[in-house]
N, C-alpha and C. Protein backbone atom coordinates (compact mmCIF):
# COMPACT_ATOMS: atom_id res chain seq x y z
N MET A 1 9.92 8.77 -22.47
CA MET A 1 8.68 9.47 -22.78
C MET A 1 7.47 8.60 -22.43
N ALA A 2 7.54 7.32 -22.81
CA ALA A 2 6.42 6.41 -22.55
C ALA A 2 6.25 6.12 -21.06
N VAL A 3 7.37 5.90 -20.36
CA VAL A 3 7.30 5.58 -18.93
C VAL A 3 6.73 6.74 -18.13
N THR A 4 7.25 7.94 -18.37
CA THR A 4 6.75 9.11 -17.64
C THR A 4 5.31 9.40 -18.01
N GLY A 5 4.96 9.16 -19.27
CA GLY A 5 3.57 9.34 -19.69
C GLY A 5 2.65 8.38 -18.96
N ALA A 6 3.09 7.13 -18.79
CA ALA A 6 2.28 6.14 -18.08
C ALA A 6 2.09 6.53 -16.62
N VAL A 7 3.14 7.08 -16.00
CA VAL A 7 3.05 7.53 -14.61
C VAL A 7 1.98 8.63 -14.48
N MET A 8 2.00 9.57 -15.41
CA MET A 8 1.05 10.68 -15.35
C MET A 8 -0.38 10.24 -15.67
N VAL A 9 -0.54 9.28 -16.58
CA VAL A 9 -1.87 8.76 -16.87
C VAL A 9 -2.45 8.07 -15.64
N THR A 10 -1.61 7.29 -14.95
CA THR A 10 -2.05 6.62 -13.72
C THR A 10 -2.49 7.65 -12.68
N PHE A 11 -1.69 8.71 -12.54
CA PHE A 11 -2.05 9.78 -11.61
C PHE A 11 -3.38 10.41 -11.99
N LEU A 12 -3.58 10.70 -13.28
CA LEU A 12 -4.82 11.34 -13.73
C LEU A 12 -6.04 10.48 -13.42
N ILE A 13 -5.91 9.18 -13.63
CA ILE A 13 -7.03 8.28 -13.36
C ILE A 13 -7.40 8.30 -11.87
N LEU A 14 -6.38 8.18 -11.01
CA LEU A 14 -6.61 8.18 -9.56
C LEU A 14 -7.14 9.53 -9.09
N HIS A 15 -6.59 10.60 -9.65
CA HIS A 15 -7.02 11.94 -9.27
C HIS A 15 -8.47 12.18 -9.68
N MET A 16 -8.85 11.71 -10.86
CA MET A 16 -10.22 11.85 -11.33
C MET A 16 -11.19 11.11 -10.41
N LEU A 17 -10.84 9.89 -10.05
CA LEU A 17 -11.71 9.11 -9.16
C LEU A 17 -11.87 9.80 -7.81
N GLY A 18 -10.79 10.40 -7.32
CA GLY A 18 -10.87 11.13 -6.07
C GLY A 18 -11.77 12.35 -6.17
N ASN A 19 -11.65 13.10 -7.27
CA ASN A 19 -12.48 14.28 -7.47
C ASN A 19 -13.96 13.95 -7.51
N LEU A 20 -14.30 12.80 -8.08
CA LEU A 20 -15.70 12.41 -8.22
C LEU A 20 -16.36 12.14 -6.87
N LYS A 21 -15.56 11.99 -5.82
CA LYS A 21 -16.13 11.78 -4.49
C LYS A 21 -16.91 12.99 -3.99
N ILE A 22 -16.74 14.14 -4.64
CA ILE A 22 -17.50 15.32 -4.24
C ILE A 22 -18.99 15.09 -4.44
N PHE A 23 -19.35 14.18 -5.35
CA PHE A 23 -20.76 13.86 -5.59
C PHE A 23 -21.35 13.03 -4.46
N LEU A 24 -20.48 12.45 -3.63
CA LEU A 24 -20.95 11.66 -2.49
C LEU A 24 -21.09 12.51 -1.23
N GLY A 25 -20.77 13.79 -1.35
CA GLY A 25 -20.91 14.70 -0.23
C GLY A 25 -19.59 15.26 0.26
N ARG A 26 -19.67 16.34 1.02
CA ARG A 26 -18.46 17.00 1.54
C ARG A 26 -17.64 16.05 2.42
N ASP A 27 -18.32 15.31 3.29
CA ASP A 27 -17.61 14.44 4.23
C ASP A 27 -16.80 13.37 3.49
N SER A 28 -17.40 12.79 2.45
CA SER A 28 -16.72 11.76 1.67
C SER A 28 -15.47 12.33 1.00
N PHE A 29 -15.59 13.53 0.44
CA PHE A 29 -14.45 14.15 -0.23
C PHE A 29 -13.36 14.51 0.77
N ASN A 30 -13.76 15.06 1.93
CA ASN A 30 -12.79 15.43 2.95
C ASN A 30 -12.08 14.21 3.53
N GLU A 31 -12.82 13.12 3.69
CA GLU A 31 -12.21 11.88 4.20
C GLU A 31 -11.18 11.34 3.21
N TYR A 32 -11.51 11.43 1.93
CA TYR A 32 -10.57 11.00 0.88
C TYR A 32 -9.29 11.85 0.94
N ALA A 33 -9.45 13.18 1.05
CA ALA A 33 -8.29 14.07 1.11
C ALA A 33 -7.46 13.79 2.37
N HIS A 34 -8.14 13.53 3.48
CA HIS A 34 -7.43 13.23 4.73
C HIS A 34 -6.67 11.91 4.62
N ALA A 35 -7.30 10.92 3.96
CA ALA A 35 -6.66 9.61 3.81
C ALA A 35 -5.36 9.71 3.01
N LEU A 36 -5.34 10.60 2.02
CA LEU A 36 -4.12 10.79 1.23
C LEU A 36 -2.98 11.31 2.09
N ARG A 37 -3.32 12.17 3.03
CA ARG A 37 -2.29 12.81 3.86
C ARG A 37 -1.84 11.94 5.03
N THR A 38 -2.61 10.91 5.34
CA THR A 38 -2.27 10.05 6.48
C THR A 38 -1.89 8.63 6.05
N LEU A 39 -1.51 8.47 4.79
CA LEU A 39 -1.09 7.16 4.31
C LEU A 39 0.08 6.63 5.13
N LEU A 40 -0.04 5.38 5.59
CA LEU A 40 0.99 4.67 6.37
C LEU A 40 1.25 5.27 7.74
N GLU A 41 0.37 6.14 8.22
CA GLU A 41 0.52 6.58 9.62
C GLU A 41 0.13 5.42 10.54
N PRO A 42 0.78 5.26 11.70
CA PRO A 42 1.85 6.11 12.27
C PRO A 42 3.26 5.70 11.85
N ILE A 43 3.38 4.72 10.96
CA ILE A 43 4.72 4.31 10.52
C ILE A 43 5.45 5.48 9.88
N ALA A 44 4.75 6.18 9.00
CA ALA A 44 5.33 7.36 8.34
C ALA A 44 4.64 8.60 8.89
N PRO A 45 5.36 9.70 9.08
CA PRO A 45 4.77 10.94 9.58
C PRO A 45 3.69 11.47 8.62
N TYR A 46 2.89 12.36 9.15
CA TYR A 46 1.79 12.96 8.39
C TYR A 46 2.28 13.52 7.06
N ARG A 47 1.64 13.16 6.01
CA ARG A 47 1.84 13.65 4.65
C ARG A 47 3.15 13.18 4.00
N THR A 48 3.89 12.29 4.63
CA THR A 48 5.16 11.84 4.07
C THR A 48 4.97 11.11 2.74
N VAL A 49 4.08 10.12 2.71
CA VAL A 49 3.87 9.33 1.50
C VAL A 49 3.34 10.22 0.37
N LEU A 50 2.40 11.11 0.70
CA LEU A 50 1.84 12.00 -0.31
C LEU A 50 2.92 12.91 -0.89
N THR A 51 3.80 13.40 -0.04
CA THR A 51 4.90 14.26 -0.51
C THR A 51 5.83 13.50 -1.44
N ILE A 52 6.14 12.25 -1.08
CA ILE A 52 7.00 11.43 -1.94
C ILE A 52 6.34 11.21 -3.30
N LEU A 53 5.04 10.94 -3.30
CA LEU A 53 4.31 10.74 -4.55
C LEU A 53 4.29 12.02 -5.39
N GLU A 54 4.14 13.15 -4.72
CA GLU A 54 4.12 14.44 -5.43
C GLU A 54 5.48 14.72 -6.06
N ILE A 55 6.55 14.42 -5.32
CA ILE A 55 7.90 14.61 -5.86
C ILE A 55 8.11 13.70 -7.07
N GLY A 56 7.65 12.47 -6.96
CA GLY A 56 7.75 11.53 -8.08
C GLY A 56 7.01 12.03 -9.30
N LEU A 57 5.85 12.65 -9.07
CA LEU A 57 5.05 13.18 -10.17
C LEU A 57 5.77 14.36 -10.83
N VAL A 58 6.34 15.24 -10.01
CA VAL A 58 7.08 16.39 -10.55
C VAL A 58 8.28 15.91 -11.37
N VAL A 59 9.00 14.92 -10.86
CA VAL A 59 10.14 14.36 -11.60
C VAL A 59 9.67 13.78 -12.93
N SER A 60 8.52 13.10 -12.93
CA SER A 60 7.98 12.53 -14.17
C SER A 60 7.65 13.62 -15.17
N VAL A 61 7.06 14.72 -14.70
CA VAL A 61 6.71 15.83 -15.59
C VAL A 61 7.97 16.43 -16.21
N VAL A 62 8.99 16.65 -15.37
CA VAL A 62 10.25 17.24 -15.86
C VAL A 62 10.91 16.31 -16.88
N LEU A 63 10.96 15.02 -16.56
CA LEU A 63 11.57 14.05 -17.48
C LEU A 63 10.77 13.94 -18.78
N HIS A 64 9.45 14.05 -18.66
CA HIS A 64 8.59 13.99 -19.85
C HIS A 64 8.89 15.17 -20.77
N MET A 65 9.03 16.35 -20.19
CA MET A 65 9.37 17.53 -20.98
C MET A 65 10.76 17.41 -21.59
N TRP A 66 11.71 16.91 -20.80
CA TRP A 66 13.08 16.72 -21.29
C TRP A 66 13.09 15.73 -22.45
N ALA A 67 12.31 14.65 -22.33
CA ALA A 67 12.24 13.65 -23.39
C ALA A 67 11.65 14.25 -24.66
N ALA A 68 10.61 15.08 -24.50
CA ALA A 68 9.97 15.71 -25.67
C ALA A 68 10.96 16.61 -26.40
N ILE A 69 11.69 17.42 -25.63
CA ILE A 69 12.68 18.33 -26.24
C ILE A 69 13.81 17.54 -26.89
N SER A 70 14.28 16.50 -26.22
CA SER A 70 15.38 15.69 -26.75
C SER A 70 14.97 14.99 -28.05
N LEU A 71 13.75 14.45 -28.07
CA LEU A 71 13.28 13.77 -29.28
C LEU A 71 13.11 14.75 -30.44
N ALA A 72 12.63 15.95 -30.12
CA ALA A 72 12.44 16.96 -31.17
C ALA A 72 13.80 17.36 -31.76
N ARG A 73 14.80 17.53 -30.89
CA ARG A 73 16.15 17.89 -31.38
C ARG A 73 16.76 16.75 -32.20
N ARG A 74 16.54 15.53 -31.74
CA ARG A 74 17.09 14.38 -32.46
C ARG A 74 16.45 14.26 -33.84
N ALA A 75 15.15 14.49 -33.90
CA ALA A 75 14.45 14.43 -35.18
C ALA A 75 14.95 15.51 -36.13
N HIS A 76 15.21 16.70 -35.57
CA HIS A 76 15.69 17.81 -36.40
C HIS A 76 17.09 17.53 -36.94
N LYS A 77 17.94 16.95 -36.09
CA LYS A 77 19.31 16.63 -36.53
C LYS A 77 19.31 15.52 -37.57
N ALA A 78 18.38 14.58 -37.42
CA ALA A 78 18.31 13.47 -38.36
C ALA A 78 17.90 13.94 -39.75
N ARG A 79 17.02 14.96 -39.79
CA ARG A 79 16.61 15.51 -41.08
C ARG A 79 16.37 17.00 -40.93
N PRO A 80 17.43 17.82 -41.06
CA PRO A 80 17.30 19.27 -40.91
C PRO A 80 16.44 19.93 -41.98
N VAL A 81 16.33 19.27 -43.15
CA VAL A 81 15.49 19.80 -44.23
C VAL A 81 14.14 19.12 -44.17
N LYS A 82 13.08 19.89 -44.14
CA LYS A 82 11.75 19.34 -44.02
C LYS A 82 11.35 18.57 -45.28
N TYR A 83 10.46 17.61 -45.08
CA TYR A 83 9.90 16.88 -46.22
C TYR A 83 9.05 17.82 -47.06
N VAL A 84 9.02 17.58 -48.36
CA VAL A 84 8.16 18.38 -49.25
C VAL A 84 6.71 18.09 -48.91
N ALA A 85 6.39 16.82 -48.72
CA ALA A 85 5.04 16.42 -48.31
C ALA A 85 5.20 15.54 -47.09
N LYS A 86 4.49 15.87 -46.04
CA LYS A 86 4.62 15.14 -44.80
C LYS A 86 3.27 14.63 -44.35
N LYS A 87 3.20 13.34 -44.06
CA LYS A 87 1.97 12.73 -43.58
C LYS A 87 2.25 12.04 -42.26
N SER A 88 1.65 12.51 -41.22
CA SER A 88 1.88 11.93 -39.89
C SER A 88 0.88 10.83 -39.63
N GLN A 89 1.37 9.68 -39.14
CA GLN A 89 0.46 8.60 -38.80
C GLN A 89 -0.40 8.97 -37.61
N ALA A 90 0.13 9.80 -36.73
CA ALA A 90 -0.67 10.22 -35.59
C ALA A 90 -1.86 11.01 -36.07
N GLY A 91 -1.65 11.82 -37.12
CA GLY A 91 -2.73 12.51 -37.82
C GLY A 91 -3.45 13.54 -36.99
N GLY A 92 -4.28 14.33 -37.70
CA GLY A 92 -5.15 15.27 -37.03
C GLY A 92 -4.47 16.51 -36.52
N TYR A 93 -5.27 17.45 -36.11
CA TYR A 93 -4.74 18.73 -35.64
C TYR A 93 -4.06 18.62 -34.30
N THR A 94 -4.32 17.54 -33.55
CA THR A 94 -3.73 17.40 -32.21
C THR A 94 -2.20 17.41 -32.28
N THR A 95 -1.65 16.80 -33.32
CA THR A 95 -0.20 16.73 -33.46
C THR A 95 0.43 18.12 -33.47
N HIS A 96 -0.25 19.07 -34.07
CA HIS A 96 0.30 20.41 -34.25
C HIS A 96 0.19 21.28 -32.99
N ILE A 97 -0.60 20.85 -32.01
CA ILE A 97 -0.75 21.67 -30.81
C ILE A 97 -0.13 21.01 -29.58
N MET A 98 0.61 19.91 -29.78
CA MET A 98 1.18 19.20 -28.64
C MET A 98 2.12 20.09 -27.82
N ARG A 99 2.99 20.84 -28.49
CA ARG A 99 3.94 21.69 -27.76
C ARG A 99 3.22 22.78 -26.99
N PHE A 100 2.33 23.49 -27.66
CA PHE A 100 1.61 24.58 -27.01
C PHE A 100 0.63 24.03 -25.97
N GLY A 101 0.07 22.86 -26.28
CA GLY A 101 -0.83 22.22 -25.33
C GLY A 101 -0.10 21.85 -24.06
N GLY A 102 1.13 21.34 -24.20
CA GLY A 102 1.92 20.98 -23.02
C GLY A 102 2.23 22.18 -22.15
N LEU A 103 2.56 23.31 -22.76
CA LEU A 103 2.82 24.54 -22.00
C LEU A 103 1.56 25.04 -21.32
N THR A 104 0.44 24.97 -22.03
CA THR A 104 -0.84 25.39 -21.46
C THR A 104 -1.16 24.56 -20.22
N ILE A 105 -0.98 23.25 -20.34
CA ILE A 105 -1.24 22.34 -19.22
C ILE A 105 -0.32 22.66 -18.05
N LEU A 106 0.95 22.96 -18.34
CA LEU A 106 1.91 23.28 -17.28
C LEU A 106 1.48 24.52 -16.50
N PHE A 107 1.11 25.59 -17.20
CA PHE A 107 0.65 26.81 -16.55
C PHE A 107 -0.62 26.56 -15.74
N PHE A 108 -1.51 25.73 -16.29
CA PHE A 108 -2.75 25.42 -15.59
C PHE A 108 -2.47 24.66 -14.29
N VAL A 109 -1.54 23.71 -14.34
CA VAL A 109 -1.22 22.93 -13.14
C VAL A 109 -0.72 23.84 -12.03
N VAL A 110 0.09 24.84 -12.39
CA VAL A 110 0.58 25.81 -11.40
C VAL A 110 -0.60 26.54 -10.77
N TRP A 111 -1.53 27.02 -11.60
CA TRP A 111 -2.72 27.72 -11.09
C TRP A 111 -3.55 26.78 -10.22
N HIS A 112 -3.73 25.56 -10.68
CA HIS A 112 -4.54 24.57 -9.99
C HIS A 112 -4.00 24.31 -8.58
N LEU A 113 -2.67 24.21 -8.47
CA LEU A 113 -2.05 24.00 -7.16
C LEU A 113 -2.22 25.20 -6.26
N LEU A 114 -2.04 26.40 -6.82
CA LEU A 114 -2.20 27.63 -6.03
C LEU A 114 -3.64 27.79 -5.55
N ASP A 115 -4.59 27.29 -6.34
CA ASP A 115 -6.01 27.45 -6.03
C ASP A 115 -6.50 26.39 -5.06
N LEU A 116 -6.45 25.12 -5.45
CA LEU A 116 -7.10 24.06 -4.69
C LEU A 116 -6.18 23.31 -3.72
N THR A 117 -4.88 23.37 -3.93
CA THR A 117 -3.97 22.68 -3.02
C THR A 117 -3.46 23.60 -1.92
N PHE A 118 -2.90 24.74 -2.31
CA PHE A 118 -2.34 25.67 -1.33
C PHE A 118 -3.31 26.77 -0.91
N GLY A 119 -4.38 26.96 -1.67
CA GLY A 119 -5.42 27.93 -1.31
C GLY A 119 -5.01 29.37 -1.41
N LEU A 120 -3.90 29.66 -2.08
CA LEU A 120 -3.40 31.04 -2.15
C LEU A 120 -4.31 31.95 -2.97
N VAL A 121 -4.97 31.40 -3.98
CA VAL A 121 -5.87 32.21 -4.81
C VAL A 121 -7.31 31.71 -4.68
N ASN A 122 -7.56 30.94 -3.62
CA ASN A 122 -8.91 30.42 -3.38
C ASN A 122 -9.63 31.27 -2.35
N PRO A 123 -10.91 31.54 -2.55
CA PRO A 123 -11.67 32.39 -1.61
C PRO A 123 -11.64 31.87 -0.17
N LYS A 124 -11.55 30.55 0.02
CA LYS A 124 -11.59 29.98 1.36
C LYS A 124 -10.22 29.91 2.04
N GLY A 125 -9.16 30.01 1.25
CA GLY A 125 -7.82 29.97 1.83
C GLY A 125 -7.35 28.57 2.17
N PHE A 126 -6.11 28.48 2.65
CA PHE A 126 -5.45 27.20 2.89
C PHE A 126 -6.06 26.43 4.06
N ASP A 127 -6.53 27.14 5.10
CA ASP A 127 -6.99 26.48 6.32
C ASP A 127 -8.37 25.86 6.19
N SER A 128 -9.03 26.03 5.08
CA SER A 128 -10.38 25.49 4.91
C SER A 128 -10.33 24.01 4.55
N ALA A 129 -11.47 23.34 4.65
CA ALA A 129 -11.57 21.93 4.28
C ALA A 129 -11.45 21.79 2.76
N PRO A 130 -10.87 20.69 2.28
CA PRO A 130 -10.70 20.50 0.84
C PRO A 130 -12.00 20.64 0.05
N ALA A 131 -13.09 20.10 0.57
CA ALA A 131 -14.37 20.19 -0.13
C ALA A 131 -14.84 21.65 -0.23
N ASP A 132 -14.61 22.41 0.84
CA ASP A 132 -15.00 23.83 0.83
C ASP A 132 -14.18 24.61 -0.19
N ARG A 133 -12.89 24.29 -0.28
CA ARG A 133 -12.04 24.97 -1.28
C ARG A 133 -12.50 24.65 -2.69
N MET A 134 -12.84 23.39 -2.91
CA MET A 134 -13.26 22.98 -4.25
C MET A 134 -14.57 23.66 -4.65
N ILE A 135 -15.53 23.67 -3.74
CA ILE A 135 -16.83 24.28 -4.05
C ILE A 135 -16.71 25.79 -4.20
N ALA A 136 -15.89 26.42 -3.36
CA ALA A 136 -15.67 27.86 -3.48
C ALA A 136 -14.89 28.20 -4.75
N GLY A 137 -13.98 27.31 -5.11
CA GLY A 137 -13.16 27.56 -6.30
C GLY A 137 -13.94 27.61 -7.59
N PHE A 138 -15.03 26.81 -7.65
CA PHE A 138 -15.84 26.77 -8.87
C PHE A 138 -17.23 27.38 -8.65
N ASP A 139 -17.30 28.27 -7.69
CA ASP A 139 -18.56 28.99 -7.43
C ASP A 139 -19.03 29.71 -8.70
N PRO A 140 -20.35 29.79 -8.92
CA PRO A 140 -20.86 30.47 -10.12
C PRO A 140 -20.26 31.85 -10.36
N SER A 141 -19.93 32.58 -9.28
CA SER A 141 -19.35 33.91 -9.43
C SER A 141 -17.95 33.85 -10.02
N ARG A 142 -17.32 32.68 -9.93
CA ARG A 142 -15.98 32.49 -10.51
C ARG A 142 -16.07 31.63 -11.78
N TRP A 143 -17.05 31.94 -12.60
CA TRP A 143 -17.29 31.17 -13.83
C TRP A 143 -16.06 31.14 -14.73
N TRP A 144 -15.27 32.20 -14.66
CA TRP A 144 -14.08 32.26 -15.51
C TRP A 144 -13.04 31.20 -15.12
N VAL A 145 -13.03 30.82 -13.83
CA VAL A 145 -12.13 29.76 -13.38
C VAL A 145 -12.58 28.43 -13.98
N THR A 146 -13.89 28.20 -13.96
CA THR A 146 -14.44 26.99 -14.56
C THR A 146 -14.13 26.94 -16.05
N LEU A 147 -14.21 28.09 -16.71
CA LEU A 147 -13.92 28.16 -18.15
C LEU A 147 -12.45 27.81 -18.42
N ILE A 148 -11.56 28.37 -17.60
CA ILE A 148 -10.13 28.06 -17.74
C ILE A 148 -9.90 26.56 -17.53
N TYR A 149 -10.55 26.03 -16.51
CA TYR A 149 -10.44 24.60 -16.19
C TYR A 149 -10.93 23.76 -17.36
N LEU A 150 -12.05 24.16 -17.95
CA LEU A 150 -12.62 23.42 -19.08
C LEU A 150 -11.65 23.37 -20.25
N VAL A 151 -11.10 24.53 -20.60
CA VAL A 151 -10.16 24.60 -21.72
C VAL A 151 -8.93 23.75 -21.44
N ALA A 152 -8.40 23.86 -20.23
CA ALA A 152 -7.18 23.12 -19.87
C ALA A 152 -7.42 21.61 -19.89
N VAL A 153 -8.57 21.17 -19.37
CA VAL A 153 -8.86 19.73 -19.34
C VAL A 153 -9.05 19.18 -20.75
N VAL A 154 -9.69 19.96 -21.62
CA VAL A 154 -9.83 19.53 -23.02
C VAL A 154 -8.44 19.40 -23.66
N MET A 155 -7.55 20.35 -23.35
CA MET A 155 -6.18 20.27 -23.87
C MET A 155 -5.48 19.02 -23.35
N VAL A 156 -5.73 18.69 -22.08
CA VAL A 156 -5.16 17.46 -21.50
C VAL A 156 -5.68 16.25 -22.28
N GLY A 157 -6.98 16.27 -22.58
CA GLY A 157 -7.57 15.16 -23.31
C GLY A 157 -6.96 14.98 -24.70
N LEU A 158 -6.77 16.09 -25.40
CA LEU A 158 -6.16 16.03 -26.73
C LEU A 158 -4.71 15.54 -26.65
N HIS A 159 -4.00 16.06 -25.65
CA HIS A 159 -2.60 15.67 -25.43
C HIS A 159 -2.53 14.17 -25.13
N LEU A 160 -3.46 13.72 -24.30
CA LEU A 160 -3.49 12.33 -23.87
C LEU A 160 -3.85 11.40 -25.03
N ARG A 161 -4.85 11.80 -25.81
CA ARG A 161 -5.26 10.97 -26.95
C ARG A 161 -4.08 10.76 -27.90
N HIS A 162 -3.39 11.84 -28.20
CA HIS A 162 -2.24 11.75 -29.09
C HIS A 162 -1.13 10.91 -28.47
N GLY A 163 -0.89 11.12 -27.18
CA GLY A 163 0.18 10.41 -26.49
C GLY A 163 -0.06 8.91 -26.44
N ILE A 164 -1.29 8.51 -26.13
CA ILE A 164 -1.61 7.09 -26.07
C ILE A 164 -1.46 6.44 -27.44
N TRP A 165 -1.97 7.13 -28.47
CA TRP A 165 -1.87 6.60 -29.82
C TRP A 165 -0.40 6.50 -30.26
N SER A 166 0.39 7.50 -29.92
CA SER A 166 1.82 7.48 -30.27
C SER A 166 2.53 6.32 -29.56
N ALA A 167 2.12 6.05 -28.31
CA ALA A 167 2.71 4.94 -27.57
C ALA A 167 2.40 3.61 -28.25
N PHE A 168 1.16 3.46 -28.72
CA PHE A 168 0.79 2.24 -29.45
C PHE A 168 1.65 2.07 -30.70
N GLN A 169 1.90 3.19 -31.39
CA GLN A 169 2.73 3.14 -32.59
C GLN A 169 4.17 2.76 -32.26
N THR A 170 4.69 3.38 -31.19
CA THR A 170 6.07 3.12 -30.78
C THR A 170 6.27 1.65 -30.41
N LEU A 171 5.26 1.07 -29.77
CA LEU A 171 5.35 -0.33 -29.36
C LEU A 171 5.11 -1.29 -30.52
N GLY A 172 4.76 -0.74 -31.68
CA GLY A 172 4.54 -1.57 -32.86
C GLY A 172 3.21 -2.28 -32.88
N TRP A 173 2.25 -1.79 -32.07
CA TRP A 173 0.93 -2.43 -32.00
C TRP A 173 -0.04 -1.92 -33.06
N ALA A 174 0.27 -0.76 -33.63
CA ALA A 174 -0.71 -0.09 -34.51
C ALA A 174 -0.67 -0.64 -35.94
N ASN A 175 -0.89 -1.95 -36.08
CA ASN A 175 -0.97 -2.51 -37.42
C ASN A 175 -2.41 -2.44 -37.94
N ARG A 176 -2.62 -2.88 -39.13
CA ARG A 176 -3.95 -2.76 -39.74
C ARG A 176 -5.03 -3.49 -38.95
N ALA A 177 -4.67 -4.65 -38.41
CA ALA A 177 -5.65 -5.46 -37.68
C ALA A 177 -6.13 -4.79 -36.39
N ARG A 178 -5.22 -4.03 -35.78
CA ARG A 178 -5.54 -3.42 -34.48
C ARG A 178 -5.82 -1.93 -34.59
N TYR A 179 -5.65 -1.37 -35.76
CA TYR A 179 -5.69 0.09 -35.93
C TYR A 179 -6.95 0.71 -35.33
N LYS A 180 -8.12 0.24 -35.76
CA LYS A 180 -9.38 0.84 -35.31
C LYS A 180 -9.59 0.66 -33.81
N ALA A 181 -9.27 -0.52 -33.30
CA ALA A 181 -9.49 -0.80 -31.88
C ALA A 181 -8.59 0.07 -31.01
N LEU A 182 -7.32 0.20 -31.40
CA LEU A 182 -6.39 1.00 -30.61
C LEU A 182 -6.72 2.49 -30.71
N LYS A 183 -7.11 2.92 -31.90
CA LYS A 183 -7.50 4.32 -32.08
C LYS A 183 -8.70 4.65 -31.19
N ALA A 184 -9.68 3.72 -31.17
CA ALA A 184 -10.87 3.91 -30.34
C ALA A 184 -10.50 3.90 -28.86
N SER A 185 -9.54 3.05 -28.47
CA SER A 185 -9.11 2.97 -27.07
C SER A 185 -8.49 4.29 -26.61
N ALA A 186 -7.66 4.88 -27.46
CA ALA A 186 -7.02 6.16 -27.13
C ALA A 186 -8.07 7.25 -26.94
N VAL A 187 -9.05 7.26 -27.83
CA VAL A 187 -10.13 8.25 -27.75
C VAL A 187 -10.97 8.01 -26.50
N LEU A 188 -11.29 6.75 -26.22
CA LEU A 188 -12.16 6.41 -25.08
C LEU A 188 -11.52 6.80 -23.76
N VAL A 189 -10.25 6.44 -23.56
CA VAL A 189 -9.56 6.77 -22.30
C VAL A 189 -9.52 8.29 -22.11
N SER A 190 -9.20 9.01 -23.18
CA SER A 190 -9.13 10.47 -23.11
C SER A 190 -10.50 11.07 -22.79
N ALA A 191 -11.54 10.56 -23.45
CA ALA A 191 -12.90 11.08 -23.25
C ALA A 191 -13.38 10.84 -21.82
N VAL A 192 -13.10 9.65 -21.29
CA VAL A 192 -13.52 9.33 -19.92
C VAL A 192 -12.85 10.27 -18.92
N LEU A 193 -11.56 10.52 -19.11
CA LEU A 193 -10.85 11.42 -18.20
C LEU A 193 -11.34 12.85 -18.32
N VAL A 194 -11.59 13.31 -19.53
CA VAL A 194 -12.10 14.68 -19.71
C VAL A 194 -13.46 14.84 -19.04
N ILE A 195 -14.37 13.90 -19.29
CA ILE A 195 -15.70 13.96 -18.69
C ILE A 195 -15.61 13.86 -17.17
N GLY A 196 -14.77 12.94 -16.70
CA GLY A 196 -14.63 12.75 -15.26
C GLY A 196 -14.08 13.97 -14.54
N PHE A 197 -13.12 14.66 -15.18
CA PHE A 197 -12.55 15.86 -14.57
C PHE A 197 -13.47 17.07 -14.68
N LEU A 198 -14.27 17.14 -15.73
CA LEU A 198 -15.15 18.30 -15.92
C LEU A 198 -16.45 18.20 -15.12
N ALA A 199 -16.85 16.97 -14.78
CA ALA A 199 -18.13 16.78 -14.08
C ALA A 199 -18.22 17.57 -12.77
N PRO A 200 -17.22 17.47 -11.85
CA PRO A 200 -17.33 18.21 -10.59
C PRO A 200 -17.39 19.73 -10.74
N PRO A 201 -16.46 20.38 -11.46
CA PRO A 201 -16.54 21.84 -11.57
C PRO A 201 -17.81 22.34 -12.25
N LEU A 202 -18.26 21.63 -13.28
CA LEU A 202 -19.49 22.05 -13.97
C LEU A 202 -20.70 21.86 -13.05
N ALA A 203 -20.71 20.77 -12.28
CA ALA A 203 -21.82 20.54 -11.35
C ALA A 203 -21.86 21.61 -10.27
N ILE A 204 -20.70 22.06 -9.82
CA ILE A 204 -20.64 23.12 -8.80
C ILE A 204 -21.07 24.45 -9.40
N THR A 205 -20.55 24.78 -10.58
CA THR A 205 -20.86 26.05 -11.22
C THR A 205 -22.35 26.18 -11.51
N PHE A 206 -22.98 25.08 -11.91
CA PHE A 206 -24.40 25.10 -12.25
C PHE A 206 -25.31 24.74 -11.09
N GLY A 207 -24.75 24.66 -9.89
CA GLY A 207 -25.56 24.50 -8.69
C GLY A 207 -26.02 23.10 -8.36
N VAL A 208 -25.53 22.10 -9.07
CA VAL A 208 -25.92 20.71 -8.76
C VAL A 208 -25.27 20.26 -7.46
N VAL A 209 -24.02 20.66 -7.26
CA VAL A 209 -23.30 20.39 -6.01
C VAL A 209 -23.13 21.71 -5.29
N LYS A 210 -23.55 21.76 -4.02
CA LYS A 210 -23.46 23.01 -3.25
C LYS A 210 -22.74 22.75 -1.93
């Protein structure tokens, strides 16, 4: 669970930094997208490295889900009768929406790929430049797409905050001396990623990026 979570957090950080290149202009964003597809050329054929990374990410997602289900079953077998009073150290409402949040994120990722990666539901289609797809995807007329994106990214942030904090607990770092610092770190990382991912679509929807 922790290893696959770390892989996905690394991906999110890199993906966020790439998305922010839209603020540097269409050419900068398109060059970034092209660089991803031509990694190690001519040693490796076009898009080979990116495809391998994508497969690795999909495997991580599947293993992460498998780990979550396995841990839930193990916990249930260990104590089939619920506690009369239960207090979770992870705390907060985030704990109670992790399962539904994970499913929401999964459905969103499928939509996100169909929209901005494959262009199947994007106004510009697959043959357009990546920057054009992104700007068309969050056009003011498609405000509902931006709204869906906003909700999904917030869910990712909540999921991530809980996951990071749980990892700290699992590693035995969450003692009294480090409690506040680690709690703040989990919130900070999640907040930075949420803001970083929401900045481009909101800027496009509100006309800051055209």
